[in-house]
Amino acid sequence: MPTTIGVLALQGDFREHVAVLRSLGVDAREIRLPGQLDELDGIIIPGGESTTIVQLIDAYGFRSAFPAAVRRGLAVWGTCAGMIAIAHELTDPYPKPLDLIDIKVSRNWFGRQVDSFEIDLELRGIQGGPFHAVFIRAPIVASAGPGVETLASLDDVAVAVRSGKIMATAFHPELTGDSRVHRMFAEIAESEHKGEA
């Protein structure tokens, strides 16, 4: 069976992620209900407005569903606001994250919308040279637990991390036209699907 990856489609730029995944031949689905997680090998929580996304996660009943799905092997990738949503802890008092990866995240580290920028990053796990990363009101990983691997750093702070089948990026790979990070996540989800990770 093909690898199936969902994109949480409650708020944010989920359509862009779906388009990239489909360009890779992945069975990509928009996910709006917790029961749909059972059909997936991986899920992306996209960028958007982190407080709104977490409120909708709670409103739609995903808060308990995500940890249960991760325990059964679901791979998860949070991008920008999604990184905030899946963190263990935030430097802000709100929103309350899902605690899916052992990282502490600082929101809007690089400033407001007008401070958005693009930069080439060396990203561990992909081939073919630097990745052109788009940062929009981006967070950073303020600290990480011992089981978390840093995949990319900027100004000595982590902006991409992985712990087993859970990945987080502070930037927006879906906005670049470069599908290498999506391909890497699809491979993580596929290895989970086959029981290899």
N, C-alpha and C. Protein backbone atom coordinates (compact mmCIF):
# COMPACT_ATOMS: atom_id res chain seq x y z
N MET A 1 0.85 -1.20 0.00
CA MET A 1 0.00 0.00 0.00
C MET A 1 0.88 1.25 0.00
N PRO A 2 0.44 2.31 -0.68
CA PRO A 2 1.24 3.54 -0.71
C PRO A 2 1.23 4.24 0.64
N THR A 3 2.26 5.04 0.86
CA THR A 3 2.32 5.85 2.08
C THR A 3 1.26 6.94 2.00
N THR A 4 0.52 7.11 3.10
CA THR A 4 -0.56 8.10 3.14
C THR A 4 -0.20 9.16 4.18
N ILE A 5 -0.15 10.41 3.75
CA ILE A 5 0.18 11.52 4.64
C ILE A 5 -0.97 12.53 4.64
N GLY A 6 -1.41 12.88 5.81
CA GLY A 6 -2.44 13.89 5.95
C GLY A 6 -1.84 15.24 6.27
N VAL A 7 -2.60 16.28 6.02
CA VAL A 7 -2.25 17.64 6.43
C VAL A 7 -3.43 18.18 7.23
N LEU A 8 -3.16 18.59 8.46
CA LEU A 8 -4.22 19.13 9.30
C LEU A 8 -4.80 20.36 8.62
N ALA A 9 -6.08 20.31 8.28
CA ALA A 9 -6.69 21.33 7.41
C ALA A 9 -7.72 22.15 8.17
N LEU A 10 -7.34 22.62 9.36
CA LEU A 10 -8.24 23.45 10.16
C LEU A 10 -7.96 24.93 9.97
N GLN A 11 -6.69 25.28 9.73
CA GLN A 11 -6.29 26.67 9.54
C GLN A 11 -4.87 26.66 8.99
N GLY A 12 -4.47 27.71 8.31
CA GLY A 12 -3.10 27.81 7.83
C GLY A 12 -2.95 27.34 6.39
N ASP A 13 -1.69 27.13 5.98
CA ASP A 13 -1.40 26.86 4.56
C ASP A 13 -1.34 25.37 4.25
N PHE A 14 -2.42 24.68 4.58
CA PHE A 14 -2.46 23.23 4.37
C PHE A 14 -2.52 22.87 2.89
N ARG A 15 -3.16 23.68 2.06
CA ARG A 15 -3.29 23.34 0.64
C ARG A 15 -1.92 23.25 -0.04
N GLU A 16 -1.01 24.14 0.35
CA GLU A 16 0.32 24.14 -0.24
C GLU A 16 1.07 22.84 0.07
N HIS A 17 0.94 22.37 1.31
CA HIS A 17 1.57 21.10 1.68
C HIS A 17 0.99 19.94 0.86
N VAL A 18 -0.33 19.91 0.74
CA VAL A 18 -0.97 18.84 -0.02
C VAL A 18 -0.47 18.83 -1.46
N ALA A 19 -0.33 20.01 -2.05
CA ALA A 19 0.12 20.09 -3.44
C ALA A 19 1.54 19.54 -3.60
N VAL A 20 2.44 19.87 -2.65
CA VAL A 20 3.81 19.36 -2.74
C VAL A 20 3.82 17.84 -2.59
N LEU A 21 3.09 17.32 -1.61
CA LEU A 21 3.05 15.88 -1.40
C LEU A 21 2.53 15.15 -2.64
N ARG A 22 1.48 15.69 -3.25
CA ARG A 22 0.91 15.03 -4.44
C ARG A 22 1.88 15.09 -5.61
N SER A 23 2.69 16.15 -5.68
CA SER A 23 3.69 16.23 -6.75
C SER A 23 4.75 15.14 -6.60
N LEU A 24 4.90 14.61 -5.39
CA LEU A 24 5.84 13.52 -5.12
C LEU A 24 5.19 12.15 -5.29
N GLY A 25 3.92 12.12 -5.62
CA GLY A 25 3.22 10.86 -5.77
C GLY A 25 2.70 10.28 -4.47
N VAL A 26 2.70 11.09 -3.41
CA VAL A 26 2.20 10.64 -2.11
C VAL A 26 0.67 10.74 -2.08
N ASP A 27 0.03 9.79 -1.43
CA ASP A 27 -1.41 9.86 -1.17
C ASP A 27 -1.61 10.89 -0.06
N ALA A 28 -1.95 12.14 -0.45
CA ALA A 28 -2.06 13.25 0.51
C ALA A 28 -3.53 13.58 0.74
N ARG A 29 -3.89 13.81 2.00
CA ARG A 29 -5.29 14.05 2.35
C ARG A 29 -5.41 15.23 3.31
N GLU A 30 -6.46 16.01 3.14
CA GLU A 30 -6.78 17.06 4.10
C GLU A 30 -7.52 16.42 5.28
N ILE A 31 -7.03 16.72 6.50
CA ILE A 31 -7.54 16.06 7.70
C ILE A 31 -8.27 17.08 8.57
N ARG A 32 -9.54 16.78 8.90
CA ARG A 32 -10.35 17.68 9.71
C ARG A 32 -10.99 17.01 10.92
N LEU A 33 -10.90 15.68 11.01
CA LEU A 33 -11.53 14.95 12.11
C LEU A 33 -10.53 13.95 12.70
N PRO A 34 -10.54 13.76 14.03
CA PRO A 34 -9.58 12.86 14.66
C PRO A 34 -9.61 11.44 14.12
N GLY A 35 -10.78 10.94 13.76
CA GLY A 35 -10.87 9.57 13.25
C GLY A 35 -10.08 9.33 11.99
N GLN A 36 -9.82 10.41 11.23
CA GLN A 36 -9.06 10.28 9.99
C GLN A 36 -7.59 9.93 10.25
N LEU A 37 -7.10 10.17 11.47
CA LEU A 37 -5.71 9.86 11.77
C LEU A 37 -5.41 8.38 11.63
N ASP A 38 -6.43 7.54 11.85
CA ASP A 38 -6.23 6.09 11.78
C ASP A 38 -5.85 5.62 10.38
N GLU A 39 -6.13 6.44 9.36
CA GLU A 39 -5.87 6.06 7.98
C GLU A 39 -4.48 6.48 7.50
N LEU A 40 -3.70 7.13 8.38
CA LEU A 40 -2.48 7.80 7.95
C LEU A 40 -1.21 7.12 8.44
N ASP A 41 -0.12 7.34 7.68
CA ASP A 41 1.22 6.98 8.12
C ASP A 41 1.95 8.19 8.69
N GLY A 42 1.55 9.39 8.27
CA GLY A 42 2.15 10.62 8.76
C GLY A 42 1.18 11.77 8.64
N ILE A 43 1.44 12.83 9.41
CA ILE A 43 0.61 14.02 9.31
C ILE A 43 1.49 15.25 9.46
N ILE A 44 1.14 16.29 8.72
CA ILE A 44 1.80 17.59 8.80
C ILE A 44 0.85 18.56 9.49
N ILE A 45 1.36 19.26 10.50
CA ILE A 45 0.62 20.37 11.10
C ILE A 45 1.23 21.64 10.52
N PRO A 46 0.48 22.39 9.72
CA PRO A 46 1.08 23.45 8.91
C PRO A 46 1.28 24.75 9.67
N GLY A 47 1.94 25.68 8.98
CA GLY A 47 2.04 27.03 9.49
C GLY A 47 0.69 27.74 9.42
N GLY A 48 0.59 28.80 10.18
CA GLY A 48 -0.65 29.58 10.27
C GLY A 48 -0.55 30.44 11.51
N GLU A 49 -1.64 30.52 12.25
CA GLU A 49 -1.65 31.28 13.50
C GLU A 49 -1.70 30.27 14.64
N SER A 50 -0.63 30.20 15.42
CA SER A 50 -0.47 29.09 16.36
C SER A 50 -1.58 29.03 17.41
N THR A 51 -1.98 30.17 17.95
CA THR A 51 -3.04 30.15 18.96
C THR A 51 -4.34 29.62 18.36
N THR A 52 -4.67 30.06 17.15
CA THR A 52 -5.89 29.60 16.49
C THR A 52 -5.81 28.11 16.18
N ILE A 53 -4.68 27.65 15.67
CA ILE A 53 -4.53 26.23 15.35
C ILE A 53 -4.71 25.37 16.59
N VAL A 54 -4.09 25.76 17.70
CA VAL A 54 -4.22 24.97 18.93
C VAL A 54 -5.66 25.01 19.45
N GLN A 55 -6.31 26.17 19.37
CA GLN A 55 -7.72 26.24 19.78
C GLN A 55 -8.59 25.30 18.96
N LEU A 56 -8.32 25.24 17.64
CA LEU A 56 -9.10 24.36 16.77
C LEU A 56 -8.76 22.90 17.02
N ILE A 57 -7.50 22.61 17.32
CA ILE A 57 -7.11 21.24 17.69
C ILE A 57 -7.94 20.78 18.89
N ASP A 58 -8.09 21.67 19.88
CA ASP A 58 -8.90 21.33 21.05
C ASP A 58 -10.38 21.23 20.70
N ALA A 59 -10.88 22.17 19.90
CA ALA A 59 -12.30 22.20 19.56
C ALA A 59 -12.72 20.96 18.77
N TYR A 60 -11.82 20.45 17.93
CA TYR A 60 -12.16 19.30 17.08
C TYR A 60 -11.76 17.96 17.71
N GLY A 61 -11.22 17.98 18.94
CA GLY A 61 -10.95 16.75 19.64
C GLY A 61 -9.64 16.07 19.30
N PHE A 62 -8.67 16.83 18.79
CA PHE A 62 -7.38 16.24 18.40
C PHE A 62 -6.39 16.12 19.56
N ARG A 63 -6.60 16.82 20.67
CA ARG A 63 -5.56 16.85 21.71
C ARG A 63 -5.26 15.46 22.25
N SER A 64 -6.24 14.65 22.47
CA SER A 64 -5.98 13.28 22.94
C SER A 64 -5.71 12.34 21.77
N ALA A 65 -6.23 12.67 20.60
CA ALA A 65 -6.08 11.79 19.44
C ALA A 65 -4.64 11.77 18.92
N PHE A 66 -3.96 12.92 18.95
CA PHE A 66 -2.60 12.96 18.43
C PHE A 66 -1.65 12.05 19.22
N PRO A 67 -1.56 12.17 20.55
CA PRO A 67 -0.65 11.27 21.28
C PRO A 67 -0.97 9.79 21.06
N ALA A 68 -2.25 9.45 20.99
CA ALA A 68 -2.63 8.05 20.76
C ALA A 68 -2.15 7.58 19.39
N ALA A 69 -2.28 8.45 18.38
CA ALA A 69 -1.85 8.09 17.03
C ALA A 69 -0.33 7.97 16.95
N VAL A 70 0.38 8.84 17.67
CA VAL A 70 1.85 8.77 17.70
C VAL A 70 2.29 7.46 18.34
N ARG A 71 1.61 7.04 19.40
CA ARG A 71 1.96 5.78 20.06
C ARG A 71 1.81 4.59 19.13
N ARG A 72 0.86 4.65 18.22
CA ARG A 72 0.68 3.54 17.28
C ARG A 72 1.59 3.66 16.07
N GLY A 73 2.41 4.74 15.98
CA GLY A 73 3.40 4.84 14.92
C GLY A 73 3.26 5.98 13.96
N LEU A 74 2.29 6.88 14.16
CA LEU A 74 2.10 8.01 13.25
C LEU A 74 3.31 8.94 13.27
N ALA A 75 3.85 9.27 12.11
CA ALA A 75 4.91 10.28 11.99
C ALA A 75 4.26 11.66 11.95
N VAL A 76 4.93 12.65 12.57
CA VAL A 76 4.37 14.00 12.65
C VAL A 76 5.43 15.02 12.25
N TRP A 77 5.03 16.00 11.47
CA TRP A 77 5.90 17.12 11.10
C TRP A 77 5.15 18.42 11.33
N GLY A 78 5.69 19.27 12.19
CA GLY A 78 5.12 20.59 12.43
C GLY A 78 5.97 21.66 11.77
N THR A 79 5.34 22.53 10.97
CA THR A 79 6.06 23.63 10.31
C THR A 79 5.60 24.96 10.89
N CYS A 80 6.54 25.77 11.35
CA CYS A 80 6.27 27.11 11.90
C CYS A 80 5.25 27.02 13.05
N ALA A 81 4.02 27.44 12.83
CA ALA A 81 3.01 27.31 13.89
C ALA A 81 2.84 25.86 14.31
N GLY A 82 3.04 24.94 13.37
CA GLY A 82 2.97 23.52 13.70
C GLY A 82 4.07 23.10 14.66
N MET A 83 5.26 23.71 14.52
CA MET A 83 6.35 23.46 15.48
C MET A 83 5.91 23.88 16.88
N ILE A 84 5.27 25.04 16.96
CA ILE A 84 4.77 25.53 18.25
C ILE A 84 3.74 24.56 18.82
N ALA A 85 2.85 24.09 17.97
CA ALA A 85 1.75 23.23 18.42
C ALA A 85 2.24 21.90 18.98
N ILE A 86 3.32 21.34 18.42
CA ILE A 86 3.75 20.00 18.85
C ILE A 86 4.82 20.02 19.93
N ALA A 87 5.26 21.20 20.34
CA ALA A 87 6.33 21.32 21.33
C ALA A 87 5.92 20.75 22.69
N HIS A 88 6.94 20.47 23.49
CA HIS A 88 6.72 20.08 24.89
C HIS A 88 6.33 21.30 25.73
N GLU A 89 6.96 22.44 25.41
CA GLU A 89 6.79 23.64 26.23
C GLU A 89 7.06 24.87 25.37
N LEU A 90 6.44 26.00 25.74
CA LEU A 90 6.69 27.27 25.08
C LEU A 90 7.27 28.26 26.09
N THR A 91 7.99 29.25 25.59
CA THR A 91 8.45 30.32 26.48
C THR A 91 7.30 31.26 26.81
N ASP A 92 6.23 31.24 26.02
CA ASP A 92 5.01 32.00 26.31
C ASP A 92 4.06 31.16 27.16
N PRO A 93 3.14 31.80 27.88
CA PRO A 93 2.19 31.04 28.68
C PRO A 93 1.08 30.38 27.85
N TYR A 94 0.93 30.76 26.61
CA TYR A 94 -0.12 30.21 25.75
C TYR A 94 0.38 30.19 24.31
N PRO A 95 -0.19 29.38 23.44
CA PRO A 95 -1.19 28.34 23.72
C PRO A 95 -0.54 27.12 24.38
N LYS A 96 -1.34 26.21 24.85
CA LYS A 96 -0.82 24.99 25.48
C LYS A 96 -0.48 23.98 24.38
N PRO A 97 0.82 23.64 24.20
CA PRO A 97 1.19 22.74 23.11
C PRO A 97 0.84 21.29 23.41
N LEU A 98 1.04 20.43 22.40
CA LEU A 98 0.60 19.04 22.46
C LEU A 98 1.60 18.10 23.12
N ASP A 99 2.85 18.54 23.31
CA ASP A 99 3.89 17.73 23.94
C ASP A 99 4.17 16.45 23.16
N LEU A 100 4.42 16.61 21.86
CA LEU A 100 4.75 15.45 21.03
C LEU A 100 6.25 15.30 20.79
N ILE A 101 7.02 16.36 21.04
CA ILE A 101 8.47 16.32 20.87
C ILE A 101 9.09 17.16 21.99
N ASP A 102 10.22 16.70 22.50
CA ASP A 102 10.83 17.30 23.70
C ASP A 102 11.64 18.56 23.35
N ILE A 103 10.90 19.61 22.96
CA ILE A 103 11.53 20.89 22.67
C ILE A 103 10.76 22.01 23.36
N LYS A 104 11.50 23.05 23.72
CA LYS A 104 10.91 24.28 24.22
C LYS A 104 11.04 25.33 23.11
N VAL A 105 9.94 25.96 22.75
CA VAL A 105 9.89 26.82 21.58
C VAL A 105 9.58 28.27 21.97
N SER A 106 10.28 29.20 21.33
CA SER A 106 9.98 30.63 21.45
C SER A 106 9.28 31.09 20.19
N ARG A 107 8.10 31.64 20.34
CA ARG A 107 7.32 32.10 19.20
C ARG A 107 7.85 33.45 18.68
N ASN A 108 7.63 33.68 17.38
CA ASN A 108 7.94 34.98 16.74
C ASN A 108 9.35 35.48 17.09
N TRP A 109 10.31 34.57 17.13
CA TRP A 109 11.67 34.89 17.56
C TRP A 109 12.30 35.97 16.69
N PHE A 110 12.04 35.91 15.40
CA PHE A 110 12.70 36.82 14.46
C PHE A 110 11.91 38.11 14.22
N GLY A 111 10.79 38.28 14.91
CA GLY A 111 10.03 39.51 14.76
C GLY A 111 8.65 39.28 14.15
N ARG A 112 8.07 40.37 13.70
CA ARG A 112 6.71 40.34 13.18
C ARG A 112 6.70 40.00 11.69
N GLN A 113 5.51 40.04 11.09
CA GLN A 113 5.34 39.70 9.68
C GLN A 113 6.31 40.48 8.78
N VAL A 114 6.49 41.76 9.08
CA VAL A 114 7.36 42.60 8.24
C VAL A 114 8.82 42.18 8.34
N ASP A 115 9.16 41.40 9.35
CA ASP A 115 10.54 40.94 9.54
C ASP A 115 10.79 39.58 8.89
N SER A 116 9.83 39.09 8.11
CA SER A 116 10.00 37.80 7.44
C SER A 116 11.19 37.87 6.48
N PHE A 117 11.84 36.72 6.25
CA PHE A 117 13.04 36.70 5.42
C PHE A 117 13.24 35.32 4.83
N GLU A 118 14.16 35.23 3.87
CA GLU A 118 14.54 33.97 3.24
C GLU A 118 16.06 33.82 3.32
N ILE A 119 16.51 32.58 3.52
CA ILE A 119 17.94 32.34 3.65
C ILE A 119 18.24 30.89 3.28
N ASP A 120 19.44 30.64 2.76
CA ASP A 120 19.86 29.27 2.46
C ASP A 120 20.41 28.61 3.72
N LEU A 121 19.95 27.40 4.00
CA LEU A 121 20.35 26.65 5.18
C LEU A 121 20.96 25.32 4.79
N GLU A 122 21.97 24.91 5.54
CA GLU A 122 22.44 23.52 5.46
C GLU A 122 21.48 22.69 6.32
N LEU A 123 20.86 21.70 5.70
CA LEU A 123 19.83 20.92 6.37
C LEU A 123 20.22 19.45 6.35
N ARG A 124 20.51 18.91 7.52
CA ARG A 124 20.91 17.51 7.65
C ARG A 124 19.76 16.60 7.22
N GLY A 125 20.10 15.61 6.42
CA GLY A 125 19.09 14.64 6.00
C GLY A 125 18.63 14.82 4.57
N ILE A 126 19.04 15.91 3.91
CA ILE A 126 18.70 16.08 2.50
C ILE A 126 19.98 16.22 1.69
N GLN A 127 19.92 15.78 0.45
CA GLN A 127 21.05 15.87 -0.47
C GLN A 127 20.81 17.03 -1.44
N GLY A 128 21.89 17.47 -2.12
CA GLY A 128 21.73 18.43 -3.20
C GLY A 128 22.01 19.87 -2.84
N GLY A 129 22.71 20.11 -1.73
CA GLY A 129 23.09 21.47 -1.39
C GLY A 129 22.13 22.15 -0.44
N PRO A 130 22.37 23.45 -0.15
CA PRO A 130 21.56 24.17 0.83
C PRO A 130 20.08 24.22 0.44
N PHE A 131 19.24 24.37 1.46
CA PHE A 131 17.80 24.49 1.26
C PHE A 131 17.42 25.96 1.44
N HIS A 132 16.67 26.50 0.49
CA HIS A 132 16.25 27.90 0.56
C HIS A 132 15.02 27.98 1.49
N ALA A 133 15.22 28.51 2.69
CA ALA A 133 14.18 28.50 3.72
C ALA A 133 13.46 29.84 3.81
N VAL A 134 12.14 29.77 3.95
CA VAL A 134 11.28 30.96 4.09
C VAL A 134 10.82 31.04 5.54
N PHE A 135 11.18 32.13 6.22
CA PHE A 135 10.81 32.35 7.62
C PHE A 135 9.76 33.45 7.70
N ILE A 136 8.59 33.12 8.27
CA ILE A 136 7.50 34.09 8.42
C ILE A 136 7.06 34.09 9.87
N ARG A 137 7.35 35.17 10.59
CA ARG A 137 7.03 35.24 12.03
C ARG A 137 7.46 33.94 12.72
N ALA A 138 8.68 33.54 12.45
CA ALA A 138 9.11 32.18 12.76
C ALA A 138 9.52 32.00 14.21
N PRO A 139 9.27 30.80 14.74
CA PRO A 139 9.76 30.43 16.07
C PRO A 139 11.18 29.88 15.98
N ILE A 140 11.75 29.58 17.13
CA ILE A 140 13.01 28.83 17.20
C ILE A 140 12.89 27.81 18.33
N VAL A 141 13.81 26.85 18.33
CA VAL A 141 13.90 25.89 19.43
C VAL A 141 14.82 26.48 20.48
N ALA A 142 14.24 26.90 21.60
CA ALA A 142 15.02 27.52 22.67
C ALA A 142 15.87 26.48 23.40
N SER A 143 15.35 25.26 23.54
CA SER A 143 16.10 24.17 24.15
C SER A 143 15.46 22.86 23.71
N ALA A 144 16.25 21.78 23.81
CA ALA A 144 15.78 20.48 23.37
C ALA A 144 16.28 19.40 24.30
N GLY A 145 15.49 18.34 24.41
CA GLY A 145 15.87 17.20 25.22
C GLY A 145 16.96 16.38 24.57
N PRO A 146 17.52 15.41 25.30
CA PRO A 146 18.67 14.63 24.80
C PRO A 146 18.36 13.77 23.59
N GLY A 147 17.10 13.44 23.36
CA GLY A 147 16.76 12.59 22.23
C GLY A 147 16.44 13.35 20.96
N VAL A 148 16.66 14.67 20.96
CA VAL A 148 16.30 15.50 19.82
C VAL A 148 17.54 15.87 19.03
N GLU A 149 17.52 15.62 17.73
CA GLU A 149 18.62 15.92 16.83
C GLU A 149 18.36 17.25 16.13
N THR A 150 19.36 18.13 16.11
CA THR A 150 19.24 19.38 15.36
C THR A 150 19.56 19.12 13.90
N LEU A 151 18.62 19.48 13.01
CA LEU A 151 18.83 19.30 11.58
C LEU A 151 19.35 20.57 10.91
N ALA A 152 19.02 21.73 11.47
CA ALA A 152 19.49 23.00 10.91
C ALA A 152 19.48 24.06 12.00
N SER A 153 20.47 24.96 11.91
CA SER A 153 20.57 26.07 12.87
C SER A 153 20.75 27.37 12.11
N LEU A 154 20.36 28.46 12.76
CA LEU A 154 20.53 29.80 12.23
C LEU A 154 20.89 30.70 13.40
N ASP A 155 22.01 31.41 13.27
CA ASP A 155 22.47 32.27 14.37
C ASP A 155 22.60 31.49 15.68
N ASP A 156 23.08 30.24 15.56
CA ASP A 156 23.33 29.38 16.72
C ASP A 156 22.07 28.94 17.46
N VAL A 157 20.93 29.05 16.83
CA VAL A 157 19.70 28.48 17.41
C VAL A 157 19.11 27.48 16.43
N ALA A 158 18.51 26.42 16.97
CA ALA A 158 17.95 25.36 16.13
C ALA A 158 16.65 25.83 15.48
N VAL A 159 16.55 25.57 14.16
CA VAL A 159 15.33 25.93 13.43
C VAL A 159 14.73 24.71 12.72
N ALA A 160 15.37 23.55 12.86
CA ALA A 160 14.81 22.29 12.37
C ALA A 160 15.33 21.18 13.25
N VAL A 161 14.44 20.31 13.72
CA VAL A 161 14.82 19.24 14.65
C VAL A 161 14.04 17.98 14.31
N ARG A 162 14.57 16.88 14.83
CA ARG A 162 13.88 15.59 14.67
C ARG A 162 14.13 14.74 15.90
N SER A 163 13.10 14.02 16.30
CA SER A 163 13.22 13.02 17.35
C SER A 163 12.44 11.79 16.89
N GLY A 164 13.15 10.79 16.40
CA GLY A 164 12.48 9.60 15.88
C GLY A 164 11.59 9.94 14.71
N LYS A 165 10.30 9.69 14.86
CA LYS A 165 9.34 9.91 13.77
C LYS A 165 8.69 11.30 13.84
N ILE A 166 9.16 12.16 14.75
CA ILE A 166 8.60 13.50 14.90
C ILE A 166 9.62 14.52 14.41
N MET A 167 9.17 15.44 13.54
CA MET A 167 10.04 16.45 12.96
C MET A 167 9.40 17.82 13.09
N ALA A 168 10.22 18.87 13.23
CA ALA A 168 9.70 20.22 13.31
C ALA A 168 10.64 21.17 12.59
N THR A 169 10.06 22.09 11.81
CA THR A 169 10.84 23.12 11.14
C THR A 169 10.20 24.48 11.42
N ALA A 170 11.06 25.47 11.68
CA ALA A 170 10.57 26.82 11.95
C ALA A 170 10.18 27.55 10.67
N PHE A 171 10.61 27.02 9.54
CA PHE A 171 10.39 27.67 8.26
C PHE A 171 9.32 26.93 7.45
N HIS A 172 9.06 27.41 6.25
CA HIS A 172 7.94 26.95 5.41
C HIS A 172 8.45 26.28 4.13
N PRO A 173 8.81 25.00 4.15
CA PRO A 173 9.28 24.34 2.93
C PRO A 173 8.23 24.28 1.82
N GLU A 174 6.97 24.36 2.19
CA GLU A 174 5.90 24.26 1.19
C GLU A 174 5.80 25.50 0.29
N LEU A 175 6.52 26.57 0.65
CA LEU A 175 6.44 27.81 -0.12
C LEU A 175 7.63 28.02 -1.05
N THR A 176 8.48 27.01 -1.20
CA THR A 176 9.76 27.23 -1.88
C THR A 176 9.85 26.64 -3.28
N GLY A 177 9.02 25.70 -3.63
CA GLY A 177 9.20 24.97 -4.88
C GLY A 177 10.24 23.87 -4.78
N ASP A 178 10.80 23.65 -3.60
CA ASP A 178 11.80 22.62 -3.35
C ASP A 178 11.14 21.56 -2.46
N SER A 179 11.00 20.35 -2.99
CA SER A 179 10.24 19.32 -2.29
C SER A 179 11.09 18.39 -1.44
N ARG A 180 12.37 18.72 -1.23
CA ARG A 180 13.26 17.77 -0.56
C ARG A 180 12.88 17.49 0.89
N VAL A 181 12.40 18.49 1.62
CA VAL A 181 12.03 18.23 3.02
C VAL A 181 10.76 17.39 3.08
N HIS A 182 9.83 17.65 2.17
CA HIS A 182 8.63 16.81 2.10
C HIS A 182 9.00 15.37 1.75
N ARG A 183 9.97 15.21 0.87
CA ARG A 183 10.41 13.85 0.51
C ARG A 183 11.03 13.16 1.73
N MET A 184 11.82 13.91 2.50
CA MET A 184 12.41 13.34 3.70
C MET A 184 11.33 12.89 4.68
N PHE A 185 10.31 13.73 4.88
CA PHE A 185 9.24 13.35 5.80
C PHE A 185 8.46 12.15 5.27
N ALA A 186 8.24 12.11 3.97
CA ALA A 186 7.54 10.95 3.39
C ALA A 186 8.33 9.67 3.65
N GLU A 187 9.66 9.77 3.59
CA GLU A 187 10.48 8.59 3.86
C GLU A 187 10.40 8.19 5.34
N ILE A 188 10.33 9.18 6.24
CA ILE A 188 10.14 8.88 7.66
C ILE A 188 8.81 8.17 7.87
N ALA A 189 7.76 8.71 7.27
CA ALA A 189 6.43 8.11 7.41
C ALA A 189 6.38 6.71 6.80
N GLU A 190 7.06 6.53 5.67
CA GLU A 190 7.08 5.22 5.02
C GLU A 190 7.82 4.20 5.88
N SER A 191 8.91 4.63 6.52
CA SER A 191 9.64 3.69 7.39
C SER A 191 8.80 3.30 8.58
N GLU A 192 8.00 4.26 9.08
CA GLU A 192 7.06 3.91 10.16
C GLU A 192 6.00 2.94 9.65
N HIS A 193 5.52 3.21 8.46
CA HIS A 193 4.50 2.38 7.83
C HIS A 193 4.98 0.92 7.73
N LYS A 194 6.28 0.76 7.41
CA LYS A 194 6.86 -0.58 7.26
C LYS A 194 7.44 -1.13 8.56
N GLY A 195 7.38 -0.29 9.62
CA GLY A 195 7.91 -0.74 10.90
C GLY A 195 9.42 -0.72 10.98
N GLU A 196 10.06 0.17 10.20
CA GLU A 196 11.52 0.19 10.15
C GLU A 196 12.15 1.20 11.09
N ALA A 197 11.42 2.25 11.47
CA ALA A 197 12.04 3.33 12.26
C ALA A 197 12.10 2.97 13.72
